Amino acid sequence: MKTSNLNNLGLAILRISFSSMMLVHGLPRVNMLFGGGEIKFPSVMGLGPTLSLILTIIGEVVCPILIIIGFKTKWAAVPAFITMFVAAFVFLGDAPLAKKELAMLYMFAFLAISFLGAGKYSLDGFMSSKK
């Protein structure tokens, strides 16, 4: 297999695996928003619980779906990165590194995706090959 094909396969594995796992964390938050009960979510940076929850859903559900299909991947990875940055350094600010580790792993994965893009095996790659 050619190196470029392996690189594209690696990008697909990176974006699909990390984004799929992020959905596992994000989908319960959608239920929290639309479940009808009182929203019990931490207010981050004074935004209030509802807005903090909505922004978290964008970063943990909407953007990962876009990243999985490979649509506007570089742009979609930025809010996912920011969400994990806030989780690691604002929400878990004083926590030891062991508590921040998972958020930081996601954060660096989404940072890499924001620089590398989706690769050939994606909707972005398919659309650019049609031009």
Protein backbone atom coordinates (compact mmCIF):
# COMPACT_ATOMS: atom_id res chain seq x y z
CA MET A 1 0.00 0.00 0.00
CA LYS A 2 1.32 3.45 -0.89
CA THR A 3 2.39 5.79 1.90
CA SER A 4 -0.27 8.37 0.98
CA ASN A 5 -2.98 5.71 1.22
CA LEU A 6 -1.66 4.63 4.63
CA ASN A 7 -1.62 8.26 5.80
CA ASN A 8 -5.21 8.71 4.65
CA LEU A 9 -6.21 5.47 6.36
CA GLY A 10 -4.49 6.66 9.55
CA LEU A 11 -6.38 9.97 9.41
CA ALA A 12 -9.67 8.11 8.95
CA ILE A 13 -8.93 5.86 11.93
CA LEU A 14 -7.93 8.86 14.07
CA ARG A 15 -11.00 10.94 13.31
CA ILE A 16 -13.55 8.10 13.38
CA SER A 17 -12.26 6.44 16.56
CA PHE A 18 -11.83 9.57 18.69
CA SER A 19 -15.07 11.15 17.45
CA SER A 20 -17.06 7.96 18.00
CA MET A 21 -15.78 7.70 21.55
CA MET A 22 -16.58 11.38 22.11
CA LEU A 23 -20.18 10.71 21.09
CA VAL A 24 -20.43 8.22 23.96
CA HIS A 25 -19.73 11.13 26.32
CA GLY A 26 -21.90 13.64 24.48
CA LEU A 27 -25.13 11.77 23.78
CA PRO A 28 -26.26 11.61 27.43
CA ARG A 29 -25.92 15.40 27.50
CA VAL A 30 -28.47 15.68 24.67
CA ASN A 31 -30.92 13.76 26.84
CA MET A 32 -30.05 16.09 29.72
CA LEU A 33 -30.97 19.10 27.55
CA PHE A 34 -34.20 17.70 26.10
CA GLY A 35 -35.22 15.42 28.99
CA GLY A 36 -37.62 17.98 30.39
CA GLY A 37 -36.20 18.16 33.89
CA GLU A 38 -34.09 20.79 35.53
CA ILE A 39 -30.72 21.16 33.83
CA LYS A 40 -28.05 20.20 36.34
CA PHE A 41 -24.86 21.09 34.53
CA PRO A 42 -21.94 23.19 35.74
CA SER A 43 -21.86 26.81 34.63
CA VAL A 44 -18.53 27.24 32.89
CA MET A 45 -16.92 30.69 32.85
CA GLY A 46 -20.16 32.32 34.03
CA LEU A 47 -22.17 31.27 30.96
CA GLY A 48 -24.91 29.56 32.95
CA PRO A 49 -25.80 25.88 32.97
CA THR A 50 -28.01 25.85 29.84
CA LEU A 51 -25.57 27.67 27.55
CA SER A 52 -22.64 25.68 28.95
CA LEU A 53 -24.55 22.47 28.20
CA ILE A 54 -25.46 23.58 24.66
CA LEU A 55 -21.84 24.50 23.88
CA THR A 56 -20.71 21.16 25.30
CA ILE A 57 -23.22 19.32 23.08
CA ILE A 58 -21.87 21.17 20.04
CA GLY A 59 -18.32 20.14 20.96
CA GLU A 60 -19.15 16.56 21.99
CA VAL A 61 -21.96 15.60 19.58
CA VAL A 62 -22.41 17.91 16.58
CA CYS A 63 -18.74 18.39 15.75
CA PRO A 64 -17.77 14.72 16.23
CA ILE A 65 -20.55 13.70 13.81
CA LEU A 66 -19.12 16.11 11.23
CA ILE A 67 -15.62 14.78 11.90
CA ILE A 68 -16.75 11.14 11.54
CA ILE A 69 -18.23 11.77 8.09
CA GLY A 70 -15.32 14.04 7.25
CA PHE A 71 -17.30 17.20 6.47
CA LYS A 72 -15.60 20.55 7.17
CA THR A 73 -13.32 18.50 9.39
CA LYS A 74 -10.66 21.09 10.19
CA TRP A 75 -13.33 23.58 11.28
CA ALA A 76 -15.38 20.98 13.18
CA ALA A 77 -12.33 19.89 15.15
CA VAL A 78 -11.79 23.38 16.59
CA PRO A 79 -14.92 23.48 18.84
CA ALA A 80 -14.24 19.87 19.88
CA PHE A 81 -10.70 20.91 20.84
CA ILE A 82 -11.97 23.97 22.74
CA THR A 83 -14.54 21.85 24.61
CA MET A 84 -11.83 19.46 25.78
CA PHE A 85 -9.48 22.33 26.62
CA VAL A 86 -12.17 23.85 28.84
CA ALA A 87 -12.88 20.44 30.39
CA ALA A 88 -9.21 19.87 31.20
CA PHE A 89 -8.07 23.31 32.27
CA VAL A 90 -11.20 25.15 33.43
CA PHE A 91 -13.64 22.54 34.73
CA LEU A 92 -10.88 20.25 36.05
CA GLY A 93 -8.50 23.17 36.62
CA ASP A 94 -7.08 22.22 40.01
CA ALA A 95 -7.42 18.47 39.55
CA PRO A 96 -4.30 16.31 39.30
CA LEU A 97 -3.06 15.30 35.86
CA ALA A 98 -4.51 11.80 36.28
CA LYS A 99 -8.03 13.33 36.36
CA LYS A 100 -7.35 15.57 33.32
CA GLU A 101 -5.70 12.86 31.25
CA LEU A 102 -8.74 11.71 29.23
CA ALA A 103 -9.83 15.25 28.37
CA MET A 104 -6.26 16.06 27.32
CA LEU A 105 -6.05 12.98 25.08
CA TYR A 106 -9.21 14.08 23.28
CA MET A 107 -7.95 17.66 23.20
CA PHE A 108 -4.68 16.74 21.48
CA ALA A 109 -6.42 14.35 19.06
CA PHE A 110 -8.82 17.08 17.96
CA LEU A 111 -5.95 19.57 17.74
CA ALA A 112 -4.12 17.18 15.39
CA ILE A 113 -7.28 16.69 13.31
CA SER A 114 -7.72 20.47 13.05
CA PHE A 115 -4.25 20.70 11.47
CA LEU A 116 -4.30 17.51 9.38
CA GLY A 117 -7.87 17.54 8.08
CA ALA A 118 -9.96 14.56 7.08
CA GLY A 119 -7.84 12.96 4.39
CA LYS A 120 -8.96 11.19 1.25
CA TYR A 121 -11.42 8.81 2.93
CA SER A 122 -13.98 11.44 3.89
CA LEU A 123 -16.75 13.61 2.52
CA ASP A 124 -14.25 16.48 2.25
CA GLY A 125 -11.90 14.23 0.26
CA PHE A 126 -14.72 13.02 -1.97
CA MET A 127 -15.92 16.56 -2.68
CA SER A 128 -12.41 17.84 -3.45
CA SER A 129 -11.83 14.98 -5.91
CA LYS A 130 -14.99 16.01 -7.82
CA LYS A 131 -13.65 19.50 -8.56
